Amino acid sequence: MLRHSGTPTVHKHTVCRSTGRLWWVSLQINTGDTTLLCHRCFSVAAFLSVTVFLMAVLLRRGLFVALHRTLAQGSNSVYHPALPAALLGACRTKKTWPVSFPQEELKKRLTPTQYHVTQERGTESAFTGGFTHHKDEGTYTCVVCGALLFSSNTKFDSGSGWPSFFDLVKEESVTVSDDFSYGMHRVEITCSQCGAHLGHLFDDGPRPTGKRYCVNSASLGFQPNGAPSSTSSSAAEDGAASSSASNGKTEL
């Protein structure tokens, strides 16, 4: 509060600028400062400053946590931390995908929603995807390269608004990686063959795996049981095409 520059000091009464009370202080000679705060007011001011600072920090953190949970989960979901990607499999970079397609080809072959979701890591709106309530028996494939991903036997209603599965056709069907978008940590799942974005993996699924693969309908194709493996049903095309892009940031 007082500067110590080696200047001689003098003890005198001065006036607290806050309360107007006289108090005893050591003042530097020739400073002319007679309106300093007393120790009590200075302590109160310091305490209030620290309190306001801490409240601002806590408020900011509270809003961040609330936003995190809102974005991380759908309105009908219960929040569970994502499993660390390192425990779920090796991560790849896009340069190492076994199958690749020219972007111009994909823009012609895929619908705008399919392209946005698979190539630009987009998200369709909850409960709008064609496969959300799809109950036919068969196999769900990658809409980009046709790789087998999920069986209808592992599909379940998670209430999240997106197709959900508790297991893969085979362990190497998808690749997992850490996703820190929107200020949160999630585990992204992509097709291990072409790198198409599928959705995210959570650890709140049913037994026996306890996993929930939360997938965009626009990322999926569908092969009914008994159909040739090289073709997909028209339901896959219609379902993926009916998916709409989300304006908000959601669980996927």
C-alpha atoms as a PDB file:
ATOM      1  CA  MET A   1       0.000   0.000   0.000  1.00  0.00           C
ATOM      2  CA  LEU A   2       2.921   2.341   0.781  1.00  0.00           C
ATOM      3  CA  ARG A   3       6.019   2.550  -1.355  1.00  0.00           C
ATOM      4  CA  HIS A   4       9.307   1.913   0.391  1.00  0.00           C
ATOM      5  CA  SER A   5      11.979   3.906  -1.409  1.00  0.00           C
ATOM      6  CA  GLY A   6      14.236   4.748   1.531  1.00  0.00           C
ATOM      7  CA  THR A   7      12.600   8.125   1.995  1.00  0.00           C
ATOM      8  CA  PRO A   8      12.393   9.233   5.666  1.00  0.00           C
ATOM      9  CA  THR A   9       9.001   8.581   7.202  1.00  0.00           C
ATOM     10  CA  VAL A  10       6.938  10.333   9.829  1.00  0.00           C
ATOM     11  CA  HIS A  11       4.205   8.934  12.076  1.00  0.00           C
ATOM     12  CA  LYS A  12       0.950  10.896  12.001  1.00  0.00           C
ATOM     13  CA  HIS A  13      -2.810  10.577  11.958  1.00  0.00           C
ATOM     14  CA  THR A  14      -4.466  10.462   8.581  1.00  0.00           C
ATOM     15  CA  VAL A  15      -7.997  10.006   7.280  1.00  0.00           C
ATOM     16  CA  CYS A  16      -9.374   6.748   5.841  1.00  0.00           C
ATOM     17  CA  ARG A  17     -10.911   7.579   2.497  1.00  0.00           C
ATOM     18  CA  SER A  18     -13.612   4.927   3.046  1.00  0.00           C
ATOM     19  CA  THR A  19     -14.808   5.576   6.610  1.00  0.00           C
ATOM     20  CA  GLY A  20     -13.463   9.074   7.238  1.00  0.00           C
ATOM     21  CA  ARG A  21     -11.946   7.904  10.509  1.00  0.00           C
ATOM     22  CA  LEU A  22      -8.536   8.964  11.747  1.00  0.00           C
ATOM     23  CA  TRP A  23      -5.903   6.276  12.020  1.00  0.00           C
ATOM     24  CA  TRP A  24      -2.194   6.105  12.813  1.00  0.00           C
ATOM     25  CA  VAL A  25       0.161   5.433   9.902  1.00  0.00           C
ATOM     26  CA  SER A  26       3.780   5.874   8.880  1.00  0.00           C
ATOM     27  CA  LEU A  27       3.867   8.205   5.918  1.00  0.00           C
ATOM     28  CA  GLN A  28       6.748   9.125   3.682  1.00  0.00           C
ATOM     29  CA  ILE A  29       7.768  12.719   4.051  1.00  0.00           C
ATOM     30  CA  ASN A  30       6.713  15.007   1.200  1.00  0.00           C
ATOM     31  CA  THR A  31       4.236  12.495  -0.248  1.00  0.00           C
ATOM     32  CA  GLY A  32       1.277  14.666   0.689  1.00  0.00           C
ATOM     33  CA  ASP A  33      -0.914  11.544   0.826  1.00  0.00           C
ATOM     34  CA  THR A  34      -3.415  11.918   3.675  1.00  0.00           C
ATOM     35  CA  THR A  35      -6.330   9.907   2.232  1.00  0.00           C
ATOM     36  CA  LEU A  36      -5.053   6.330   2.493  1.00  0.00           C
ATOM     37  CA  LEU A  37      -7.289   3.423   3.504  1.00  0.00           C
ATOM     38  CA  CYS A  38      -6.973   2.167   7.027  1.00  0.00           C
ATOM     39  CA  HIS A  39      -5.841  -1.385   7.620  1.00  0.00           C
ATOM     40  CA  ARG A  40      -9.377  -2.608   8.288  1.00  0.00           C
ATOM     41  CA  CYS A  41     -10.805  -1.143   5.079  1.00  0.00           C
ATOM     42  CA  PHE A  42      -7.811  -2.311   3.085  1.00  0.00           C
ATOM     43  CA  SER A  43      -8.303  -5.845   4.408  1.00  0.00           C
ATOM     44  CA  VAL A  44     -12.009  -5.755   3.582  1.00  0.00           C
ATOM     45  CA  ALA A  45     -11.310  -4.436   0.095  1.00  0.00           C
ATOM     46  CA  ALA A  46      -8.709  -7.129  -0.495  1.00  0.00           C
ATOM     47  CA  PHE A  47     -11.075  -9.832   0.787  1.00  0.00           C
ATOM     48  CA  LEU A  48     -13.881  -8.632  -1.477  1.00  0.00           C
ATOM     49  CA  SER A  49     -11.566  -8.530  -4.478  1.00  0.00           C
ATOM     50  CA  VAL A  50     -10.418 -12.101  -3.882  1.00  0.00           C
ATOM     51  CA  THR A  51     -14.010 -13.253  -3.275  1.00  0.00           C
ATOM     52  CA  VAL A  52     -15.261 -11.683  -6.512  1.00  0.00           C
ATOM     53  CA  PHE A  53     -12.382 -13.252  -8.408  1.00  0.00           C
ATOM     54  CA  LEU A  54     -13.067 -16.711  -6.974  1.00  0.00           C
ATOM     55  CA  MET A  55     -16.799 -16.400  -7.664  1.00  0.00           C
ATOM     56  CA  ALA A  56     -16.061 -15.465 -11.273  1.00  0.00           C
ATOM     57  CA  VAL A  57     -13.773 -18.483 -11.647  1.00  0.00           C
ATOM     58  CA  LEU A  58     -16.308 -20.854 -10.070  1.00  0.00           C
ATOM     59  CA  LEU A  59     -19.172 -19.426 -12.115  1.00  0.00           C
ATOM     60  CA  ARG A  60     -17.203 -19.819 -15.296  1.00  0.00           C
ATOM     61  CA  ARG A  61     -16.280 -23.376 -14.378  1.00  0.00           C
ATOM     62  CA  GLY A  62     -19.876 -24.176 -13.421  1.00  0.00           C
ATOM     63  CA  LEU A  63     -21.170 -22.912 -16.738  1.00  0.00           C
ATOM     64  CA  PHE A  64     -18.474 -24.863 -18.532  1.00  0.00           C
ATOM     65  CA  VAL A  65     -19.379 -28.090 -16.728  1.00  0.00           C
ATOM     66  CA  ALA A  66     -23.074 -27.566 -17.435  1.00  0.00           C
ATOM     67  CA  LEU A  67     -22.347 -26.933 -21.099  1.00  0.00           C
ATOM     68  CA  HIS A  68     -20.079 -29.962 -21.191  1.00  0.00           C
ATOM     69  CA  ARG A  69     -22.790 -32.263 -19.864  1.00  0.00           C
ATOM     70  CA  THR A  70     -25.456 -30.770 -22.074  1.00  0.00           C
ATOM     71  CA  LEU A  71     -23.378 -31.257 -25.200  1.00  0.00           C
ATOM     72  CA  ALA A  72     -22.052 -34.626 -24.153  1.00  0.00           C
ATOM     73  CA  GLN A  73     -25.432 -36.220 -23.627  1.00  0.00           C
ATOM     74  CA  GLY A  74     -28.850 -36.258 -25.241  1.00  0.00           C
ATOM     75  CA  SER A  75     -31.852 -35.166 -23.217  1.00  0.00           C
ATOM     76  CA  ASN A  76     -32.802 -38.775 -22.439  1.00  0.00           C
ATOM     77  CA  SER A  77     -29.304 -40.013 -21.604  1.00  0.00           C
ATOM     78  CA  VAL A  78     -27.416 -40.379 -18.377  1.00  0.00           C
ATOM     79  CA  TYR A  79     -23.909 -38.937 -18.367  1.00  0.00           C
ATOM     80  CA  HIS A  80     -20.980 -41.314 -18.164  1.00  0.00           C
ATOM     81  CA  PRO A  81     -17.363 -40.425 -18.904  1.00  0.00           C
ATOM     82  CA  ALA A  82     -16.081 -41.679 -22.231  1.00  0.00           C
ATOM     83  CA  LEU A  83     -13.674 -44.593 -22.154  1.00  0.00           C
ATOM     84  CA  PRO A  84     -10.060 -43.586 -22.855  1.00  0.00           C
ATOM     85  CA  ALA A  85      -9.339 -44.243 -26.494  1.00  0.00           C
ATOM     86  CA  ALA A  86      -6.005 -45.806 -25.596  1.00  0.00           C
ATOM     87  CA  LEU A  87      -7.880 -48.646 -23.875  1.00  0.00           C
ATOM     88  CA  LEU A  88     -10.169 -49.317 -26.818  1.00  0.00           C
ATOM     89  CA  GLY A  89      -7.776 -49.789 -29.702  1.00  0.00           C
ATOM     90  CA  ALA A  90      -5.061 -48.216 -31.773  1.00  0.00           C
ATOM     91  CA  CYS A  91      -5.621 -44.901 -33.472  1.00  0.00           C
ATOM     92  CA  ARG A  92      -4.902 -44.258 -37.125  1.00  0.00           C
ATOM     93  CA  THR A  93      -4.280 -41.134 -39.091  1.00  0.00           C
ATOM     94  CA  LYS A  94      -6.305 -40.401 -42.192  1.00  0.00           C
ATOM     95  CA  LYS A  95      -3.265 -41.053 -44.380  1.00  0.00           C
ATOM     96  CA  THR A  96      -3.195 -44.717 -43.411  1.00  0.00           C
ATOM     97  CA  TRP A  97      -6.759 -45.759 -44.300  1.00  0.00           C
ATOM     98  CA  PRO A  98      -6.667 -48.895 -46.474  1.00  0.00           C
ATOM     99  CA  VAL A  99      -9.420 -47.536 -48.772  1.00  0.00           C
ATOM    100  CA  SER A 100      -9.699 -43.983 -50.069  1.00  0.00           C
ATOM    101  CA  PHE A 101     -11.945 -42.183 -52.526  1.00  0.00           C
ATOM    102  CA  PRO A 102     -11.550 -38.873 -54.373  1.00  0.00           C
ATOM    103  CA  GLN A 103     -13.576 -36.164 -52.684  1.00  0.00           C
ATOM    104  CA  GLU A 104     -15.252 -35.213 -55.957  1.00  0.00           C
ATOM    105  CA  GLU A 105     -16.490 -38.790 -56.349  1.00  0.00           C
ATOM    106  CA  LEU A 106     -17.877 -38.811 -52.809  1.00  0.00           C
ATOM    107  CA  LYS A 107     -19.684 -35.509 -53.344  1.00  0.00           C
ATOM    108  CA  LYS A 108     -21.459 -37.028 -56.351  1.00  0.00           C
ATOM    109  CA  ARG A 109     -22.157 -40.430 -54.809  1.00  0.00           C
ATOM    110  CA  LEU A 110     -23.250 -39.351 -51.324  1.00  0.00           C
ATOM    111  CA  THR A 111     -26.104 -37.098 -50.289  1.00  0.00           C
ATOM    112  CA  PRO A 112     -25.111 -33.714 -48.814  1.00  0.00           C
ATOM    113  CA  THR A 113     -25.940 -35.025 -45.332  1.00  0.00           C
ATOM    114  CA  GLN A 114     -23.974 -38.234 -45.821  1.00  0.00           C
ATOM    115  CA  TYR A 115     -20.967 -36.266 -47.048  1.00  0.00           C
ATOM    116  CA  HIS A 116     -21.185 -33.727 -44.223  1.00  0.00           C
ATOM    117  CA  VAL A 117     -21.368 -36.417 -41.544  1.00  0.00           C
ATOM    118  CA  THR A 118     -18.806 -38.886 -42.881  1.00  0.00           C
ATOM    119  CA  GLN A 119     -16.252 -36.492 -44.346  1.00  0.00           C
ATOM    120  CA  GLU A 120     -16.696 -33.356 -42.228  1.00  0.00           C
ATOM    121  CA  ARG A 121     -17.503 -35.024 -38.886  1.00  0.00           C
ATOM    122  CA  GLY A 122     -20.980 -33.575 -38.873  1.00  0.00           C
ATOM    123  CA  THR A 123     -23.972 -34.667 -36.765  1.00  0.00           C
ATOM    124  CA  GLU A 124     -27.554 -35.284 -37.796  1.00  0.00           C
ATOM    125  CA  SER A 125     -30.382 -34.093 -35.566  1.00  0.00           C
ATOM    126  CA  ALA A 126     -31.586 -36.522 -32.917  1.00  0.00           C
ATOM    127  CA  PHE A 127     -34.570 -38.714 -33.884  1.00  0.00           C
ATOM    128  CA  THR A 128     -34.359 -37.684 -37.562  1.00  0.00           C
ATOM    129  CA  GLY A 129     -32.131 -40.452 -38.935  1.00  0.00           C
ATOM    130  CA  GLY A 130     -33.717 -43.197 -40.980  1.00  0.00           C
ATOM    131  CA  PHE A 131     -32.133 -45.970 -38.920  1.00  0.00           C
ATOM    132  CA  THR A 132     -32.999 -44.646 -35.460  1.00  0.00           C
ATOM    133  CA  HIS A 133     -36.051 -46.903 -35.129  1.00  0.00           C
ATOM    134  CA  HIS A 134     -35.058 -49.365 -37.854  1.00  0.00           C
ATOM    135  CA  LYS A 135     -35.827 -52.941 -36.741  1.00  0.00           C
ATOM    136  CA  ASP A 136     -35.126 -55.113 -39.817  1.00  0.00           C
ATOM    137  CA  GLU A 137     -32.709 -58.000 -39.381  1.00  0.00           C
ATOM    138  CA  GLY A 138     -29.424 -57.705 -41.175  1.00  0.00           C
ATOM    139  CA  THR A 139     -26.055 -55.974 -41.087  1.00  0.00           C
ATOM    140  CA  TYR A 140     -25.273 -52.265 -40.956  1.00  0.00           C
ATOM    141  CA  THR A 141     -22.424 -51.184 -43.201  1.00  0.00           C
ATOM    142  CA  CYS A 142     -20.327 -48.083 -43.839  1.00  0.00           C
ATOM    143  CA  VAL A 143     -22.199 -45.937 -46.358  1.00  0.00           C
ATOM    144  CA  VAL A 144     -18.900 -44.837 -47.914  1.00  0.00           C
ATOM    145  CA  CYS A 145     -17.030 -48.111 -48.492  1.00  0.00           C
ATOM    146  CA  GLY A 146     -19.528 -50.855 -47.588  1.00  0.00           C
ATOM    147  CA  ALA A 147     -17.462 -52.338 -44.746  1.00  0.00           C
ATOM    148  CA  LEU A 148     -19.434 -54.439 -42.255  1.00  0.00           C
ATOM    149  CA  LEU A 149     -19.899 -52.599 -38.956  1.00  0.00           C
ATOM    150  CA  PHE A 150     -22.832 -53.702 -36.788  1.00  0.00           C
ATOM    151  CA  SER A 151     -25.341 -56.526 -36.616  1.00  0.00           C
ATOM    152  CA  SER A 152     -29.029 -55.861 -36.018  1.00  0.00           C
ATOM    153  CA  ASN A 153     -28.730 -58.347 -33.120  1.00  0.00           C
ATOM    154  CA  THR A 154     -26.685 -55.783 -31.183  1.00  0.00           C
ATOM    155  CA  LYS A 155     -28.893 -52.765 -31.926  1.00  0.00           C
ATOM    156  CA  PHE A 156     -30.866 -51.361 -28.988  1.00  0.00           C
ATOM    157  CA  ASP A 157     -33.008 -48.350 -28.141  1.00  0.00           C
ATOM    158  CA  SER A 158     -30.820 -46.045 -26.072  1.00  0.00           C
ATOM    159  CA  GLY A 159     -33.328 -43.187 -26.058  1.00  0.00           C
ATOM    160  CA  SER A 160     -30.605 -40.869 -27.336  1.00  0.00           C
ATOM    161  CA  GLY A 161     -32.155 -40.285 -30.756  1.00  0.00           C
ATOM    162  CA  TRP A 162     -29.415 -42.035 -32.750  1.00  0.00           C
ATOM    163  CA  PRO A 163     -28.919 -45.680 -33.760  1.00  0.00           C
ATOM    164  CA  SER A 164     -27.084 -47.418 -30.922  1.00  0.00           C
ATOM    165  CA  PHE A 165     -25.231 -50.728 -30.787  1.00  0.00           C
ATOM    166  CA  PHE A 166     -23.540 -52.557 -27.929  1.00  0.00           C
ATOM    167  CA  ASP A 167     -21.055 -54.495 -30.063  1.00  0.00           C
ATOM    168  CA  LEU A 168     -19.308 -54.647 -33.438  1.00  0.00           C
ATOM    169  CA  VAL A 169     -19.416 -57.272 -36.166  1.00  0.00           C
ATOM    170  CA  LYS A 170     -15.706 -57.659 -35.488  1.00  0.00           C
ATOM    171  CA  GLU A 171     -13.342 -55.806 -33.213  1.00  0.00           C
ATOM    172  CA  GLU A 172     -11.390 -54.201 -36.044  1.00  0.00           C
ATOM    173  CA  SER A 173     -14.508 -52.800 -37.742  1.00  0.00           C
ATOM    174  CA  VAL A 174     -13.970 -49.326 -36.304  1.00  0.00           C
ATOM    175  CA  THR A 175     -11.061 -47.192 -35.231  1.00  0.00           C
ATOM    176  CA  VAL A 176     -11.242 -45.075 -32.083  1.00  0.00           C
ATOM    177  CA  SER A 177      -9.573 -41.754 -31.380  1.00  0.00           C
ATOM    178  CA  ASP A 178      -9.749 -38.953 -28.824  1.00  0.00           C
ATOM    179  CA  ASP A 179     -12.090 -36.138 -29.767  1.00  0.00           C
ATOM    180  CA  PHE A 180     -11.713 -32.836 -27.892  1.00  0.00           C
ATOM    181  CA  SER A 181     -14.123 -30.787 -30.006  1.00  0.00           C
ATOM    182  CA  TYR A 182     -16.577 -28.391 -28.310  1.00  0.00           C
ATOM    183  CA  GLY A 183     -14.386 -28.270 -25.171  1.00  0.00           C
ATOM    184  CA  MET A 184     -15.077 -31.842 -24.067  1.00  0.00           C
ATOM    185  CA  HIS A 185     -13.419 -35.250 -24.288  1.00  0.00           C
ATOM    186  CA  ARG A 186     -15.200 -37.984 -26.221  1.00  0.00           C
ATOM    187  CA  VAL A 187     -14.149 -41.122 -28.089  1.00  0.00           C
ATOM    188  CA  GLU A 188     -14.774 -40.815 -31.810  1.00  0.00           C
ATOM    189  CA  ILE A 189     -15.432 -43.927 -33.900  1.00  0.00           C
ATOM    190  CA  THR A 190     -14.568 -44.066 -37.586  1.00  0.00           C
ATOM    191  CA  CYS A 191     -14.708 -46.796 -40.217  1.00  0.00           C
ATOM    192  CA  SER A 192     -11.385 -48.620 -40.022  1.00  0.00           C
ATOM    193  CA  GLN A 193     -11.340 -49.105 -43.796  1.00  0.00           C
ATOM    194  CA  CYS A 194     -12.030 -45.624 -45.188  1.00  0.00           C
ATOM    195  CA  GLY A 195     -11.944 -43.330 -42.142  1.00  0.00           C
ATOM    196  CA  ALA A 196     -15.570 -42.185 -42.471  1.00  0.00           C
ATOM    197  CA  HIS A 197     -16.877 -40.540 -39.307  1.00  0.00           C
ATOM    198  CA  LEU A 198     -19.546 -42.706 -37.676  1.00  0.00           C
ATOM    199  CA  GLY A 199     -20.242 -41.223 -34.251  1.00  0.00           C
ATOM    200  CA  HIS A 200     -18.933 -41.735 -30.712  1.00  0.00           C
ATOM    201  CA  LEU A 201     -18.428 -44.509 -28.183  1.00  0.00           C
ATOM    202  CA  PHE A 202     -19.714 -44.325 -24.606  1.00  0.00           C
ATOM    203  CA  ASP A 203     -19.488 -46.707 -21.659  1.00  0.00           C
ATOM    204  CA  ASP A 204     -23.159 -46.702 -20.645  1.00  0.00           C
ATOM    205  CA  GLY A 205     -24.418 -49.491 -22.871  1.00  0.00           C
ATOM    206  CA  PRO A 206     -26.137 -52.730 -21.867  1.00  0.00           C
ATOM    207  CA  ARG A 207     -24.519 -56.028 -21.005  1.00  0.00           C
ATOM    208  CA  PRO A 208     -22.506 -57.945 -21.895  1.00  0.00           C
ATOM    209  CA  THR A 209     -20.161 -55.256 -23.293  1.00  0.00           C
ATOM    210  CA  GLY A 210     -21.377 -52.162 -21.425  1.00  0.00           C
ATOM    211  CA  LYS A 211     -20.550 -50.129 -24.543  1.00  0.00           C
ATOM    212  CA  ARG A 212     -22.773 -47.842 -26.579  1.00  0.00           C
ATOM    213  CA  TYR A 213     -21.722 -47.126 -30.156  1.00  0.00           C
ATOM    214  CA  CYS A 214     -23.780 -44.003 -30.916  1.00  0.00           C
ATOM    215  CA  VAL A 215     -23.895 -43.701 -34.706  1.00  0.00           C
ATOM    216  CA  ASN A 216     -25.319 -41.305 -37.298  1.00  0.00           C
ATOM    217  CA  SER A 217     -27.854 -42.907 -39.647  1.00  0.00           C
ATOM    218  CA  ALA A 218     -26.220 -40.963 -42.464  1.00  0.00           C
ATOM    219  CA  SER A 219     -23.010 -42.952 -41.899  1.00  0.00           C
ATOM    220  CA  LEU A 220     -24.741 -46.290 -42.355  1.00  0.00           C
ATOM    221  CA  GLY A 221     -25.945 -48.577 -45.119  1.00  0.00           C
ATOM    222  CA  PHE A 222     -27.946 -51.751 -44.523  1.00  0.00           C
ATOM    223  CA  GLN A 223     -27.852 -55.303 -45.875  1.00  0.00           C
ATOM    224  CA  PRO A 224     -30.928 -57.399 -45.040  1.00  0.00           C
ATOM    225  CA  ASN A 225     -30.331 -61.015 -44.112  1.00  0.00           C
ATOM    226  CA  GLY A 226     -30.204 -63.115 -47.260  1.00  0.00           C
ATOM    227  CA  ALA A 227     -29.336 -60.210 -49.559  1.00  0.00           C
ATOM    228  CA  PRO A 228     -26.098 -60.297 -51.624  1.00  0.00           C
ATOM    229  CA  SER A 229     -23.290 -58.729 -49.639  1.00  0.00           C
ATOM    230  CA  SER A 230     -22.343 -56.433 -52.515  1.00  0.00           C
ATOM    231  CA  THR A 231     -25.629 -54.531 -52.441  1.00  0.00           C
ATOM    232  CA  SER A 232     -27.471 -52.450 -49.870  1.00  0.00           C
ATOM    233  CA  SER A 233     -31.216 -52.165 -49.436  1.00  0.00           C
ATOM    234  CA  SER A 234     -33.093 -49.094 -50.623  1.00  0.00           C
ATOM    235  CA  ALA A 235     -34.013 -48.504 -46.966  1.00  0.00           C
ATOM    236  CA  ALA A 236     -30.395 -47.620 -46.302  1.00  0.00           C
ATOM    237  CA  GLU A 237     -30.394 -45.004 -49.019  1.00  0.00           C
ATOM    238  CA  ASP A 238     -33.766 -43.613 -48.035  1.00  0.00           C
ATOM    239  CA  GLY A 239     -32.904 -43.657 -44.341  1.00  0.00           C
ATOM    240  CA  ALA A 240     -29.566 -41.939 -44.707  1.00  0.00           C
ATOM    241  CA  ALA A 241     -30.972 -39.402 -47.152  1.00  0.00           C
ATOM    242  CA  SER A 242     -33.739 -38.455 -44.734  1.00  0.00           C
ATOM    243  CA  SER A 243     -31.246 -37.552 -42.024  1.00  0.00           C
ATOM    244  CA  SER A 244     -30.862 -33.810 -41.531  1.00  0.00           C
ATOM    245  CA  ALA A 245     -27.817 -31.940 -40.311  1.00  0.00           C
ATOM    246  CA  SER A 246     -27.982 -30.528 -36.791  1.00  0.00           C
ATOM    247  CA  ASN A 247     -27.645 -26.827 -36.085  1.00  0.00           C
ATOM    248  CA  GLY A 248     -26.677 -27.534 -32.486  1.00  0.00           C
ATOM    249  CA  LYS A 249     -23.896 -29.540 -30.883  1.00  0.00           C
ATOM    250  CA  THR A 250     -25.147 -32.807 -29.505  1.00  0.00           C
ATOM    251  CA  GLU A 251     -24.065 -36.157 -28.195  1.00  0.00           C
ATOM    252  CA  LEU A 252     -22.722 -37.434 -31.475  1.00  0.00           C
END
